[in-house]
């Protein structure tokens, strides 16, 4: 006991209780652990999604600021003047990661194919310097990914993380359950630890590696325990929000009226008034809002364009010392300020503050590259905890042929998932050059999954992991060459543009590939020195 906190909760547990906890901890991992590994691994990759966007599609991967676009007001009005009033329910203005100005006026209409009311209008891509219209799409504009996504690769990886590429709402429900599993595994693991504080500092003995595989598992689990709870809670919130939380709130507080719930919680208050009214100068409003909030604006939304009840929302990056973005509200007709709007409701509240923190804490983007790197490191540690835990469970049952097959499934999933992601990337770049990456990127992933499974079935068990590592190494080493060969931005050009991301990601793949290659050969050499033949990879 220290300062009233019991650091050894397991000492109060009976043998029977500890046995039940071990069973819950182990069996939950065995049943759902491989799916959880997919969610956590793709989540770790998604943290650097903006960098993957820049690397794979050009641009700097960030969301350019409104002040960088220039002449917003004139270009928006040119489009609005030729847009039917029914499609001016909302107008959004921003810049995509390629630096193109996006202007999208739209209303709402029933999509008969989906049986849902969806945004219907037009989305324009403009050259921000000249105002030239680069492309235009009409109809249900957000139902086609190529209308608003700049990288099919980033979109696929994020979608795989969020919904396992399953149809709504089932994919998000599954990933929400995975979030709860992370929390449950962390809780049971915490209760099972006899010496939690000591476990944070398990060290190698003199001249030896860490004592056992269990020590490595406990060490990684101890350091990522708080992160597991945080990630599990915020991930479950995001996953369950659409299919469960919002419908439940609408049913209990708004009589099942989803539109009334959205109006009360997420939209600015305005008495309906269809009286025609001019819209204030948008460029002047952005400058004014930036002066008030003291952080750059990156997105603008105009609701009810040309009406007396019109509202303009200007979105800003978080102020210094804060992690939550700011939505600043103005009346569209005369620019009267209503001030920053909370994430939920129209008045500051604890719930709104907590809701605002969900995104930064889950995505780890609140501190730039440093916080994202920490989040990736902790995500990789969680992947190691999952895989090492499964291997420990299987090792105790390795005499059973069925469990040996499960051990092979663990190995195939551990290495097959990153291999499938590499293969889908190899599909992406030629498809990008050919013009259909949103179709071929997922095709490449599932082809990679099939190849990894087949490879795991036909390859001798003693050579499986080493060969997987060499395949991964070859895939990583070849990616920079493939990207440049398919017309990707060269290193000199990207550096001249002030964007080091393409070169940085290329170098990262080269380093990872070289490391995997050397690791596989070193492991082969150690096993050959030990017994003259390749042995099964130890379950570490």
Protein backbone atom coordinates (compact mmCIF):
# COMPACT_ATOMS: atom_id res chain seq x y z
CA UNK A 1 0.00 0.00 0.00
CA UNK A 2 1.38 3.45 -0.97
CA UNK A 3 -0.47 6.70 -0.34
CA UNK A 4 -3.68 4.74 0.07
CA UNK A 5 -3.31 2.98 -3.29
CA UNK A 6 -3.05 -0.79 -3.34
CA UNK A 7 -0.31 -1.65 -5.82
CA UNK A 8 -0.75 -5.42 -5.38
CA UNK A 9 -4.48 -6.08 -5.93
CA UNK A 10 -3.87 -9.70 -6.85
CA UNK A 11 -2.70 -10.51 -3.32
CA UNK A 12 -6.29 -10.05 -2.16
CA UNK A 13 -7.62 -12.49 -4.74
CA UNK A 14 -8.22 -16.12 -3.91
CA UNK A 15 -6.74 -18.87 -6.08
CA UNK A 16 -10.18 -19.54 -7.59
CA UNK A 17 -10.69 -15.86 -8.42
CA UNK A 18 -7.26 -15.63 -9.99
CA UNK A 19 -7.97 -18.73 -12.05
CA UNK A 20 -11.24 -17.25 -13.31
CA UNK A 21 -9.51 -13.97 -14.16
CA UNK A 22 -6.82 -15.83 -16.07
CA UNK A 23 -9.47 -17.75 -17.98
CA UNK A 24 -11.38 -14.58 -18.88
CA UNK A 25 -8.16 -12.80 -19.87
CA UNK A 26 -6.91 -15.71 -21.97
CA UNK A 27 -10.10 -16.90 -23.64
CA UNK A 28 -11.25 -13.41 -24.57
CA UNK A 29 -7.91 -12.94 -26.28
CA UNK A 30 -8.04 -16.29 -28.03
CA UNK A 31 -11.55 -15.77 -29.36
CA UNK A 32 -11.23 -12.15 -30.47
CA UNK A 33 -7.50 -11.46 -30.30
CA UNK A 34 -6.76 -11.81 -34.01
CA UNK A 35 -9.53 -9.36 -34.94
CA UNK A 36 -8.31 -7.01 -32.22
CA UNK A 37 -4.80 -7.19 -33.66
CA UNK A 38 -6.15 -6.08 -37.07
CA UNK A 39 -7.97 -3.11 -35.48
CA UNK A 40 -4.99 -2.00 -33.37
CA UNK A 41 -2.37 -2.45 -36.11
CA UNK A 42 -4.37 -0.54 -38.73
CA UNK A 43 -5.08 2.12 -36.08
CA UNK A 44 -1.36 2.56 -35.48
CA UNK A 45 -0.81 2.99 -39.22
CA UNK A 46 -3.76 5.41 -39.47
CA UNK A 47 -2.16 7.80 -36.97
CA UNK A 48 0.17 8.88 -39.78
CA UNK A 49 -2.70 8.91 -42.29
CA UNK A 50 -2.01 12.49 -43.40
CA UNK A 51 1.60 11.57 -44.13
CA UNK A 52 0.47 8.52 -46.12
CA UNK A 53 -1.88 10.84 -47.99
CA UNK A 54 0.94 13.16 -48.93
CA UNK A 55 3.26 10.30 -49.84
CA UNK A 56 0.69 8.49 -51.97
CA UNK A 57 -1.18 11.33 -53.67
CA UNK A 58 0.94 14.47 -53.64
CA UNK A 59 0.39 17.65 -51.67
CA UNK A 60 1.72 18.12 -48.17
CA UNK A 61 -0.84 15.84 -46.47
CA UNK A 62 -2.14 18.65 -44.25
CA UNK A 63 -5.32 20.65 -44.57
CA UNK A 64 -4.29 24.04 -46.05
CA UNK A 65 -5.64 27.16 -44.36
CA UNK A 66 -8.40 29.34 -45.74
CA UNK A 67 -6.08 32.35 -45.84
CA UNK A 68 -3.81 30.42 -48.21
CA UNK A 69 -6.59 30.15 -50.78
CA UNK A 70 -7.28 33.84 -51.34
CA UNK A 71 -10.31 35.27 -53.12
CA UNK A 72 -12.77 32.90 -51.46
CA UNK A 73 -15.71 35.29 -51.57
CA UNK A 74 -15.65 35.96 -55.32
CA UNK A 75 -15.23 32.32 -56.28
CA UNK A 76 -18.00 31.12 -53.97
CA UNK A 77 -20.42 33.76 -55.26
CA UNK A 78 -19.67 32.86 -58.88
CA UNK A 79 -20.78 29.32 -58.14
CA UNK A 80 -23.73 30.19 -55.91
CA UNK A 81 -25.20 32.53 -58.54
CA UNK A 82 -25.66 29.55 -60.87
CA UNK A 83 -26.90 27.15 -58.19
CA UNK A 84 -30.66 26.55 -57.66
CA UNK A 85 -31.87 27.79 -54.27
CA UNK A 86 -32.90 24.27 -53.28
CA UNK A 87 -29.22 23.29 -53.29
CA UNK A 88 -28.10 26.11 -50.98
CA UNK A 89 -29.10 24.45 -47.74
CA UNK A 90 -25.38 24.27 -47.05
CA UNK A 91 -22.19 25.47 -48.74
CA UNK A 92 -18.82 24.19 -47.56
CA UNK A 93 -15.45 25.71 -48.44
CA UNK A 94 -12.05 24.22 -47.68
CA UNK A 95 -8.84 23.00 -49.32
CA UNK A 96 -7.97 19.33 -49.75
CA UNK A 97 -4.47 17.91 -49.07
CA UNK A 98 -3.51 18.49 -52.71
CA UNK A 99 -4.11 22.21 -52.17
CA UNK A 100 -7.22 22.37 -54.37
CA UNK A 101 -10.04 24.69 -53.28
CA UNK A 102 -13.24 22.74 -52.66
CA UNK A 103 -16.62 24.49 -52.91
CA UNK A 104 -19.70 22.31 -52.46
CA UNK A 105 -23.25 23.72 -52.37
CA UNK A 106 -25.88 21.08 -51.62
CA UNK A 107 -29.29 20.28 -50.21
CA UNK A 108 -30.77 17.03 -48.97
CA UNK A 109 -32.62 14.44 -51.06
CA UNK A 110 -33.73 10.84 -50.79
CA UNK A 111 -31.30 8.34 -52.26
CA UNK A 112 -33.64 5.59 -53.41
CA UNK A 113 -30.83 3.04 -53.72
CA UNK A 114 -29.75 3.49 -50.10
CA UNK A 115 -33.17 4.37 -48.70
CA UNK A 116 -31.60 7.36 -46.90
CA UNK A 117 -31.71 11.12 -47.11
CA UNK A 118 -28.30 12.16 -48.43
CA UNK A 119 -26.52 15.38 -49.49
CA UNK A 120 -27.37 16.21 -53.11
CA UNK A 121 -25.72 18.99 -55.08
CA UNK A 122 -22.41 19.82 -56.76
CA UNK A 123 -18.79 19.68 -55.65
CA UNK A 124 -16.20 21.83 -57.44
CA UNK A 125 -12.41 21.47 -57.40
CA UNK A 126 -10.66 24.75 -58.21
CA UNK A 127 -7.11 25.90 -58.70
CA UNK A 128 -6.74 28.31 -55.73
CA UNK A 129 -4.33 30.58 -57.60
CA UNK A 130 -6.20 31.01 -60.87
CA UNK A 131 -9.74 29.95 -59.96
CA UNK A 132 -9.74 27.45 -62.84
CA UNK A 133 -12.30 24.67 -62.38
CA UNK A 134 -10.32 21.44 -62.32
CA UNK A 135 -13.29 19.11 -61.95
CA UNK A 136 -16.97 19.02 -61.05
CA UNK A 137 -19.31 16.29 -59.83
CA UNK A 138 -23.11 16.40 -59.46
CA UNK A 139 -25.65 14.29 -57.62
CA UNK A 140 -25.15 12.55 -54.30
CA UNK A 141 -21.71 14.07 -54.08
CA UNK A 142 -20.48 12.37 -50.90
CA UNK A 143 -21.49 8.89 -52.02
CA UNK A 144 -18.55 8.67 -54.44
CA UNK A 145 -15.18 8.65 -52.71
CA UNK A 146 -13.26 10.13 -55.61
CA UNK A 147 -15.33 13.32 -55.27
CA UNK A 148 -13.75 14.30 -51.96
CA UNK A 149 -11.01 11.82 -50.98
CA UNK A 150 -7.50 12.47 -52.30
CA UNK A 151 -5.87 9.15 -51.39
CA UNK A 152 -7.59 5.81 -51.87
CA UNK A 153 -4.79 4.22 -49.85
CA UNK A 154 -5.31 6.37 -46.76
CA UNK A 155 -9.09 6.03 -47.02
CA UNK A 156 -8.93 2.24 -47.23
CA UNK A 157 -6.61 1.85 -44.24
CA UNK A 158 -8.74 4.19 -42.11
CA UNK A 159 -11.93 2.41 -43.16
CA UNK A 160 -10.37 -0.95 -42.38
CA UNK A 161 -9.48 0.33 -38.92
CA UNK A 162 -12.88 1.92 -38.24
CA UNK A 163 -15.19 -0.74 -39.68
CA UNK A 164 -13.05 -3.68 -40.87
CA UNK A 165 -14.42 -2.94 -44.36
CA UNK A 166 -17.77 -4.39 -43.27
CA UNK A 167 -21.10 -2.73 -44.17
CA UNK A 168 -22.63 -0.25 -41.76
CA UNK A 169 -23.52 -0.57 -38.98
CA UNK A 170 -21.99 -4.00 -38.41
CA UNK A 171 -18.38 -3.01 -38.96
CA UNK A 172 -18.52 -0.24 -36.38
CA UNK A 173 -20.31 -2.46 -33.91
CA UNK A 174 -17.54 -5.05 -34.24
CA UNK A 175 -14.79 -2.46 -33.74
CA UNK A 176 -16.74 -1.04 -30.78
CA UNK A 177 -16.72 -4.50 -29.22
CA UNK A 178 -12.98 -4.63 -29.84
CA UNK A 179 -12.61 -1.39 -27.90
CA UNK A 180 -14.48 -2.91 -24.97
CA UNK A 181 -12.25 -5.98 -25.22
CA UNK A 182 -9.16 -3.79 -24.94
CA UNK A 183 -10.56 -2.28 -21.75
CA UNK A 184 -11.52 -5.70 -20.35
CA UNK A 185 -8.13 -7.19 -21.15
CA UNK A 186 -6.41 -4.24 -19.54
CA UNK A 187 -8.56 -4.54 -16.39
CA UNK A 188 -8.07 -8.28 -15.98
CA UNK A 189 -4.36 -7.95 -16.73
CA UNK A 190 -4.08 -5.23 -14.09
CA UNK A 191 -5.83 -7.38 -11.48
CA UNK A 192 -3.58 -10.34 -12.31
CA UNK A 193 -0.33 -8.40 -11.84
CA UNK A 194 1.31 -9.16 -8.53
CA UNK A 195 3.78 -6.29 -8.76
CA UNK A 196 2.45 -3.65 -11.12
CA UNK A 197 5.08 -0.99 -10.41
CA UNK A 198 7.92 -3.51 -10.60
CA UNK A 199 6.53 -4.80 -13.90
CA UNK A 200 7.09 -1.37 -15.42
CA UNK A 201 10.84 -1.86 -14.98
CA UNK A 202 11.46 -5.51 -15.84
CA UNK A 203 15.07 -5.48 -16.98
CA UNK A 204 17.43 -7.86 -18.73
CA UNK A 205 19.77 -9.86 -16.54
CA UNK A 206 23.47 -9.25 -16.97
CA UNK A 207 24.54 -10.65 -20.32
CA UNK A 208 21.07 -12.10 -20.97
CA UNK A 209 17.85 -11.13 -22.65
CA UNK A 210 14.70 -10.56 -20.63
CA UNK A 211 14.04 -13.52 -18.38
CA UNK A 212 11.07 -15.07 -20.19
CA UNK A 213 8.53 -14.40 -22.91
CA UNK A 214 6.04 -13.69 -20.14
CA UNK A 215 8.31 -10.92 -18.81
CA UNK A 216 8.31 -9.25 -22.22
CA UNK A 217 4.54 -9.57 -22.43
CA UNK A 218 4.07 -8.09 -18.95
CA UNK A 219 6.55 -5.27 -19.61
CA UNK A 220 4.81 -4.14 -22.81
CA UNK A 221 1.37 -4.57 -21.24
CA UNK A 222 2.30 -2.55 -18.15
CA UNK A 223 3.58 0.42 -20.11
CA UNK A 224 0.59 0.47 -22.46
CA UNK A 225 -2.06 -0.18 -19.78
CA UNK A 226 -3.34 3.41 -19.48
CA UNK A 227 -3.13 3.84 -23.24
CA UNK A 228 -5.20 0.66 -23.71
CA UNK A 229 -7.98 2.03 -21.51
CA UNK A 230 -7.86 5.39 -23.27
CA UNK A 231 -7.83 3.90 -26.75
CA UNK A 232 -10.49 1.32 -25.91
CA UNK A 233 -12.88 3.88 -24.44
CA UNK A 234 -12.51 6.53 -27.15
CA UNK A 235 -12.57 3.91 -29.90
CA UNK A 236 -15.75 2.34 -28.55
CA UNK A 237 -17.34 5.77 -28.31
CA UNK A 238 -16.62 6.54 -31.95
CA UNK A 239 -17.70 3.09 -33.13
CA UNK A 240 -20.95 3.00 -31.16
CA UNK A 241 -21.82 6.66 -31.67
CA UNK A 242 -23.54 6.27 -35.05
CA UNK A 243 -25.27 2.90 -34.79
CA UNK A 244 -26.14 2.94 -31.06
CA UNK A 245 -25.51 6.10 -29.01
CA UNK A 246 -27.17 8.69 -31.24
CA UNK A 247 -30.28 6.59 -31.96
CA UNK A 248 -30.58 5.87 -28.23
CA UNK A 249 -30.33 9.59 -27.36
CA UNK A 250 -32.85 10.44 -30.07
CA UNK A 251 -35.28 7.79 -28.81
CA UNK A 252 -35.06 8.71 -25.15
CA UNK A 253 -34.83 12.52 -25.38
CA UNK A 254 -36.39 13.46 -28.73
CA UNK A 255 -39.09 10.85 -29.27
CA UNK A 256 -37.05 9.08 -31.95
CA UNK A 257 -36.68 12.23 -34.08
CA UNK A 258 -33.08 12.16 -35.33
CA UNK A 259 -33.39 15.53 -37.08
CA UNK A 260 -34.57 17.19 -33.87
CA UNK A 261 -31.64 15.65 -32.00
CA UNK A 262 -29.13 16.91 -34.58
CA UNK A 263 -30.66 20.39 -34.50
CA UNK A 264 -30.50 20.53 -30.69
CA UNK A 265 -27.03 19.06 -30.21
CA UNK A 266 -24.99 19.89 -33.29
CA UNK A 267 -26.55 22.85 -35.10
CA UNK A 268 -26.60 26.52 -34.17
CA UNK A 269 -29.86 27.97 -32.90
CA UNK A 270 -31.80 30.02 -35.45
CA UNK A 271 -35.49 30.85 -35.78
CA UNK A 272 -36.51 29.77 -39.31
CA UNK A 273 -36.74 32.80 -41.56
CA UNK A 274 -36.68 32.42 -45.34
CA UNK A 275 -36.57 36.16 -46.00
CA UNK A 276 -33.92 36.82 -48.68
CA UNK A 277 -30.73 38.36 -47.29
CA UNK A 278 -27.25 39.09 -48.58
CA UNK A 279 -24.25 37.15 -47.27
CA UNK A 280 -21.35 39.08 -45.77
CA UNK A 281 -17.91 39.13 -47.37
CA UNK A 282 -16.41 35.71 -46.62
CA UNK A 283 -12.76 36.78 -46.82
CA UNK A 284 -13.33 39.60 -44.35
CA UNK A 285 -15.18 37.23 -42.03
CA UNK A 286 -12.31 34.72 -42.07
CA UNK A 287 -9.84 37.48 -41.19
CA UNK A 288 -12.11 38.71 -38.40
CA UNK A 289 -12.63 35.25 -36.95
CA UNK A 290 -8.89 34.55 -37.07
CA UNK A 291 -8.19 37.76 -35.17
CA UNK A 292 -10.73 36.76 -32.50
CA UNK A 293 -9.66 33.13 -32.01
CA UNK A 294 -5.93 33.73 -32.60
CA UNK A 295 -5.51 30.47 -34.54
CA UNK A 296 -5.73 29.81 -38.31
CA UNK A 297 -9.03 28.82 -39.94
CA UNK A 298 -9.12 25.73 -42.16
CA UNK A 299 -12.83 25.14 -42.96
CA UNK A 300 -15.96 27.21 -43.52
CA UNK A 301 -19.62 26.21 -43.65
CA UNK A 302 -22.56 28.43 -44.62
CA UNK A 303 -26.02 27.18 -43.63
CA UNK A 304 -29.11 28.56 -45.41
CA UNK A 305 -27.22 30.70 -47.90
CA UNK A 306 -29.13 33.86 -48.89
CA UNK A 307 -31.68 33.65 -46.06
CA UNK A 308 -32.16 35.79 -42.98
CA UNK A 309 -31.63 32.76 -40.75
CA UNK A 310 -28.30 31.93 -42.40
CA UNK A 311 -25.34 31.05 -40.20
CA UNK A 312 -21.63 30.85 -40.98
CA UNK A 313 -19.32 28.49 -39.09
CA UNK A 314 -15.56 29.07 -39.28
CA UNK A 315 -13.45 26.19 -37.94
CA UNK A 316 -10.05 26.93 -36.37
CA UNK A 317 -7.14 24.86 -35.19
CA UNK A 318 -6.87 24.45 -31.41
CA UNK A 319 -5.51 27.50 -29.56
CA UNK A 320 -2.18 27.21 -27.78
CA UNK A 321 -2.45 25.02 -24.71
CA UNK A 322 -5.68 23.41 -25.91
CA UNK A 323 -6.41 20.23 -27.87
CA UNK A 324 -9.92 21.00 -29.16
CA UNK A 325 -10.68 22.75 -32.43
CA UNK A 326 -12.89 25.86 -32.33
CA UNK A 327 -16.13 26.39 -34.27
CA UNK A 328 -16.83 30.13 -34.40
CA UNK A 329 -20.39 31.15 -35.38
CA UNK A 330 -21.63 34.29 -37.16
CA UNK A 331 -24.92 35.47 -38.62
CA UNK A 332 -24.60 35.27 -42.39
CA UNK A 333 -26.54 38.44 -43.21
CA UNK A 334 -24.51 40.95 -41.20
CA UNK A 335 -21.67 39.01 -39.56
CA UNK A 336 -23.04 39.34 -36.04
CA UNK A 337 -20.90 37.05 -33.83
CA UNK A 338 -22.44 34.33 -31.69
CA UNK A 339 -19.09 33.16 -30.39
CA UNK A 340 -17.50 29.70 -30.30
CA UNK A 341 -19.94 26.80 -30.26
CA UNK A 342 -19.33 23.77 -28.00
CA UNK A 343 -19.07 20.36 -29.66
CA UNK A 344 -22.44 19.41 -28.16
CA UNK A 345 -25.31 21.83 -27.52
CA UNK A 346 -25.07 25.62 -27.56
CA UNK A 347 -23.77 26.29 -24.05
CA UNK A 348 -20.46 25.21 -22.49
CA UNK A 349 -20.72 21.98 -20.50
CA UNK A 350 -18.60 19.16 -19.14
CA UNK A 351 -20.10 16.81 -21.73
CA UNK A 352 -19.10 19.14 -24.55
CA UNK A 353 -15.55 19.41 -23.18
CA UNK A 354 -15.22 15.64 -22.90
CA UNK A 355 -16.64 15.15 -26.38
CA UNK A 356 -14.10 17.62 -27.75
CA UNK A 357 -11.24 15.65 -26.20
CA UNK A 358 -12.31 12.33 -27.74
CA UNK A 359 -10.73 13.01 -31.12
CA UNK A 360 -7.30 14.31 -30.03
CA UNK A 361 -6.93 11.56 -27.43
CA UNK A 362 -7.89 8.80 -29.86
CA UNK A 363 -5.94 10.01 -32.89
CA UNK A 364 -2.94 11.37 -31.00
CA UNK A 365 -2.57 14.42 -33.26
CA UNK A 366 -2.66 17.07 -30.55
CA UNK A 367 1.13 17.48 -30.37
CA UNK A 368 2.16 17.10 -34.00
CA UNK A 369 4.77 14.53 -34.99
CA UNK A 370 5.89 13.93 -31.39
CA UNK A 371 2.46 12.91 -30.04
CA UNK A 372 1.70 10.87 -33.16
CA UNK A 373 5.01 9.03 -32.82
CA UNK A 374 4.22 8.21 -29.18
CA UNK A 375 0.76 6.97 -30.17
CA UNK A 376 2.25 4.76 -32.90
CA UNK A 377 4.83 3.38 -30.47
CA UNK A 378 2.16 2.55 -27.90
CA UNK A 379 -0.01 1.05 -30.63
CA UNK A 380 2.85 -1.20 -31.73
CA UNK A 381 3.38 -2.17 -28.08
CA UNK A 382 -0.30 -3.15 -27.88
CA UNK A 383 0.11 -5.27 -31.01
CA UNK A 384 3.05 -7.01 -29.34
CA UNK A 385 0.98 -7.56 -26.18
CA UNK A 386 -1.80 -9.19 -28.22
CA UNK A 387 0.50 -11.44 -30.24
CA UNK A 388 2.78 -12.42 -27.34
CA UNK A 389 -0.25 -13.17 -25.17
CA UNK A 390 -1.69 -15.48 -27.82
CA UNK A 391 1.67 -17.22 -28.21
CA UNK A 392 1.98 -17.74 -24.45
CA UNK A 393 -1.50 -19.23 -24.34
CA UNK A 394 -0.75 -21.57 -27.23
CA UNK A 395 2.66 -22.58 -25.90
CA UNK A 396 1.05 -24.10 -22.82
CA UNK A 397 -1.10 -26.25 -25.12
CA UNK A 398 1.35 -27.00 -27.91
CA UNK A 399 0.95 -30.77 -27.55
CA UNK A 400 -2.58 -30.45 -28.94
CA UNK A 401 -2.59 -30.52 -32.80
CA UNK A 402 -5.55 -28.11 -32.88
CA UNK A 403 -3.68 -25.51 -30.84
CA UNK A 404 -0.63 -25.92 -33.08
CA UNK A 405 -2.86 -24.99 -36.03
CA UNK A 406 -4.05 -21.98 -34.09
CA UNK A 407 -0.42 -21.02 -33.47
CA UNK A 408 0.12 -21.05 -37.24
CA UNK A 409 -2.97 -18.86 -37.64
CA UNK A 410 -1.46 -16.39 -35.16
CA UNK A 411 1.80 -16.28 -37.14
CA UNK A 412 -0.02 -15.85 -40.46
CA UNK A 413 -2.17 -13.02 -39.08
CA UNK A 414 0.77 -11.30 -37.38
CA UNK A 415 2.82 -11.11 -40.56
CA UNK A 416 0.07 -11.56 -43.15
CA UNK A 417 -1.76 -8.33 -42.25
CA UNK A 418 1.21 -6.01 -42.91
CA UNK A 419 2.02 -8.05 -46.01
CA UNK A 420 -1.56 -7.60 -47.30
CA UNK A 421 -1.32 -3.85 -46.65
CA UNK A 422 1.94 -3.75 -48.59
CA UNK A 423 0.38 -5.64 -51.49
CA UNK A 424 -2.61 -3.28 -51.58
CA UNK A 425 -0.10 -0.41 -51.75
CA UNK A 426 1.61 -2.14 -54.67
CA UNK A 427 -1.80 -2.30 -56.36
CA UNK A 428 -2.55 1.34 -55.50
CA UNK A 429 0.25 3.11 -57.37
CA UNK A 430 -0.29 1.47 -60.80
CA UNK A 431 -4.06 1.97 -60.32
CA UNK A 432 -3.45 5.64 -59.48
CA UNK A 433 -1.59 6.05 -62.75
CA UNK A 434 -4.38 4.18 -64.58
CA UNK A 435 -7.14 6.22 -62.91
CA UNK A 436 -9.09 3.75 -60.73
CA UNK A 437 -7.36 3.46 -57.32
CA UNK A 438 -10.58 3.32 -55.24
CA UNK A 439 -11.45 0.00 -56.88
CA UNK A 440 -8.04 -1.65 -57.04
CA UNK A 441 -6.74 -0.70 -53.59
CA UNK A 442 -9.20 -2.93 -51.65
CA UNK A 443 -8.83 -5.60 -54.35
CA UNK A 444 -5.10 -5.57 -53.70
CA UNK A 445 -5.63 -5.95 -49.96
CA UNK A 446 -7.91 -8.96 -50.24
CA UNK A 447 -5.63 -10.51 -52.85
CA UNK A 448 -2.80 -10.01 -50.34
CA UNK A 449 -4.85 -11.66 -47.60
CA UNK A 450 -5.49 -14.66 -49.82
CA UNK A 451 -1.83 -14.88 -50.77
CA UNK A 452 -0.72 -14.64 -47.12
CA UNK A 453 -3.13 -17.40 -46.06
CA UNK A 454 -2.06 -19.67 -48.92
CA UNK A 455 1.59 -18.97 -48.16
CA UNK A 456 0.98 -19.84 -44.51
CA UNK A 457 -0.67 -23.13 -45.46
CA UNK A 458 1.95 -24.42 -47.91
CA UNK A 459 5.13 -23.15 -46.20
CA UNK A 460 6.96 -25.40 -43.79
CA UNK A 461 6.36 -24.30 -40.19
CA UNK A 462 10.07 -23.95 -39.41
CA UNK A 463 10.58 -21.50 -42.28
CA UNK A 464 7.30 -19.62 -42.16
CA UNK A 465 8.19 -16.55 -40.10
CA UNK A 466 11.60 -16.04 -41.69
CA UNK A 467 10.11 -16.11 -45.17
CA UNK A 468 7.32 -13.75 -44.14
CA UNK A 469 9.95 -11.31 -42.92
CA UNK A 470 11.86 -11.51 -46.18
CA UNK A 471 8.67 -10.91 -48.19
CA UNK A 472 7.89 -7.88 -46.04
CA UNK A 473 11.45 -6.64 -46.47
CA UNK A 474 11.29 -6.96 -50.25
CA UNK A 475 7.90 -5.22 -50.34
CA UNK A 476 9.14 -2.28 -48.26
CA UNK A 477 12.39 -1.88 -50.21
CA UNK A 478 10.59 -1.83 -53.54
CA UNK A 479 7.84 0.65 -52.64
CA UNK A 480 9.85 3.88 -53.11
CA UNK A 481 10.97 2.69 -56.54
CA UNK A 482 7.39 1.77 -57.47
CA UNK A 483 6.03 5.13 -56.29
CA UNK A 484 8.57 7.13 -58.27
CA UNK A 485 8.14 4.87 -61.29
CA UNK A 486 4.38 5.52 -61.29
CA UNK A 487 4.85 9.27 -61.42
CA UNK A 488 5.12 10.11 -57.71
CA UNK A 489 6.68 13.35 -56.54
CA UNK A 490 10.48 13.14 -56.57
CA UNK A 491 12.61 13.94 -53.54
CA UNK A 492 14.16 17.08 -55.02
CA UNK A 493 10.81 18.40 -56.20
CA UNK A 494 9.06 17.77 -52.86
CA UNK A 495 11.91 19.39 -50.91
CA UNK A 496 11.80 22.39 -53.25
CA UNK A 497 8.10 22.69 -52.43
CA UNK A 498 8.90 22.63 -48.71
CA UNK A 499 7.33 19.19 -48.26
CA UNK A 500 9.76 16.56 -46.90
CA UNK A 501 7.04 13.95 -46.32
CA UNK A 502 7.42 11.89 -49.55
CA UNK A 503 11.18 11.54 -48.98
CA UNK A 504 10.70 10.84 -45.26
CA UNK A 505 8.18 8.05 -45.87
CA UNK A 506 10.36 6.56 -48.63
CA UNK A 507 13.35 6.52 -46.28
CA UNK A 508 11.22 4.99 -43.51
CA UNK A 509 10.21 2.12 -45.82
CA UNK A 510 13.83 1.59 -46.87
CA UNK A 511 14.98 1.46 -43.24
CA UNK A 512 12.16 -0.90 -42.23
CA UNK A 513 12.85 -3.14 -45.21
CA UNK A 514 16.56 -3.29 -44.50
CA UNK A 515 15.90 -3.97 -40.81
CA UNK A 516 13.50 -6.82 -41.60
CA UNK A 517 15.99 -8.34 -44.05
CA UNK A 518 18.85 -8.24 -41.57
CA UNK A 519 16.58 -9.51 -38.77
CA UNK A 520 15.48 -12.53 -40.79
CA UNK A 521 19.05 -13.45 -41.74
CA UNK A 522 20.33 -12.94 -38.19
CA UNK A 523 17.54 -15.15 -36.81
CA UNK A 524 18.35 -17.83 -39.40
CA UNK A 525 22.02 -17.68 -38.45
CA UNK A 526 21.28 -18.05 -34.73
CA UNK A 527 19.05 -21.07 -35.29
CA UNK A 528 21.54 -22.70 -37.66
CA UNK A 529 24.36 -22.18 -35.17
CA UNK A 530 22.20 -23.73 -32.47
CA UNK A 531 21.26 -27.00 -34.12
CA UNK A 532 22.34 -26.90 -37.73
CA UNK A 533 18.79 -26.58 -39.03
CA UNK A 534 15.95 -24.09 -39.07
CA UNK A 535 13.82 -24.44 -35.98
CA UNK A 536 10.40 -23.11 -35.19
CA UNK A 537 10.44 -19.42 -34.30
CA UNK A 538 10.24 -19.07 -30.52
CA UNK A 539 6.98 -17.63 -29.22
CA UNK A 540 8.29 -14.34 -27.86
